[in-house]
Amino acid sequence: SWGDFRTFDLAPYDVAYAYLSPLPMAALWHKARREMRPGSIFVSNSFGVPGVTPQHSLELSDFGGSVLHLWRM
């Protein structure tokens, strides 16, 4: 779904995927921690969360050398 993450309720989802700039990642992380259920998965394409180590990082074989960062809530 496209839209403003600040107004989007993450609670009903088992997986949330973000492909944003590094700037909003801390705010999105705090929102995901508040709203997502235990066991759900937060995925960020290419940009980490400042000060939070991902539980898994997967390098993609795409043209940009992207990395998916994953956290289980």
Protein backbone atom coordinates (compact mmCIF):
# COMPACT_ATOMS: atom_id res chain seq x y z
CA SER A 1 0.00 0.00 0.00
CA TRP A 2 1.23 3.48 -0.82
CA GLY A 3 0.70 6.38 1.52
CA ASP A 4 1.98 8.32 4.49
CA PHE A 5 3.31 5.80 7.01
CA ARG A 6 2.47 8.18 9.87
CA THR A 7 -1.27 7.74 9.19
CA PHE A 8 -1.19 4.06 8.21
CA ASP A 9 -2.12 1.47 10.86
CA LEU A 10 0.46 -1.34 10.89
CA ALA A 11 -1.36 -3.48 13.48
CA PRO A 12 -3.28 -5.78 11.09
CA TYR A 13 -0.22 -6.86 9.09
CA ASP A 14 2.10 -9.83 9.52
CA VAL A 15 4.74 -8.19 7.32
CA ALA A 16 5.47 -4.50 6.73
CA TYR A 17 7.89 -3.57 3.92
CA ALA A 18 9.51 -0.15 3.65
CA TYR A 19 11.59 1.38 0.90
CA LEU A 20 12.21 4.89 2.13
CA SER A 21 15.10 7.28 2.50
CA PRO A 22 17.23 6.96 5.65
CA LEU A 23 15.68 10.09 7.19
CA PRO A 24 12.28 8.68 8.33
CA MET A 25 13.56 5.22 9.34
CA ALA A 26 13.83 5.94 13.08
CA ALA A 27 10.26 7.29 13.22
CA LEU A 28 8.93 4.35 11.21
CA TRP A 29 10.76 1.90 13.48
CA HIS A 30 9.19 3.41 16.60
CA LYS A 31 5.76 3.25 14.98
CA ALA A 32 6.28 -0.38 13.93
CA ARG A 33 7.38 -1.33 17.46
CA ARG A 34 4.23 0.28 18.90
CA GLU A 35 1.74 -1.13 16.42
CA MET A 36 2.95 -4.44 15.03
CA ARG A 37 2.05 -7.68 16.80
CA PRO A 38 4.66 -9.96 18.36
CA GLY A 39 6.03 -12.32 15.72
CA SER A 40 5.29 -9.99 12.80
CA ILE A 41 8.15 -8.94 10.51
CA PHE A 42 9.40 -5.49 9.59
CA VAL A 43 11.46 -5.33 6.37
CA SER A 44 13.46 -2.37 5.12
CA ASN A 45 14.95 -2.27 1.65
CA SER A 46 18.46 -0.80 1.65
CA PHE A 47 18.23 1.44 4.72
CA GLY A 48 18.77 0.35 8.29
CA VAL A 49 17.29 1.72 11.47
CA PRO A 50 19.77 3.95 13.30
CA GLY A 51 21.14 2.15 16.35
CA VAL A 52 19.11 -1.05 15.78
CA THR A 53 20.86 -4.12 14.38
CA PRO A 54 18.67 -6.18 12.03
CA GLN A 55 18.14 -9.81 12.93
CA HIS A 56 18.80 -10.77 9.31
CA SER A 57 20.18 -9.00 6.26
CA LEU A 58 19.79 -10.48 2.79
CA GLU A 59 21.87 -9.22 -0.11
CA LEU A 60 19.91 -9.14 -3.36
CA SER A 61 21.34 -9.84 -6.78
CA ASP A 62 19.74 -6.76 -8.29
CA PHE A 63 21.25 -3.92 -10.31
CA GLY A 64 21.76 -1.72 -7.23
CA GLY A 65 23.17 -4.27 -4.81
CA SER A 66 20.22 -3.80 -2.45
CA VAL A 67 20.06 -5.35 0.99
CA LEU A 68 16.85 -6.34 2.77
CA HIS A 69 17.03 -5.79 6.54
CA LEU A 70 14.60 -7.84 8.64
CA TRP A 71 13.42 -7.56 12.22
CA ARG A 72 10.94 -9.84 14.00
CA MET A 73 8.78 -7.88 16.40
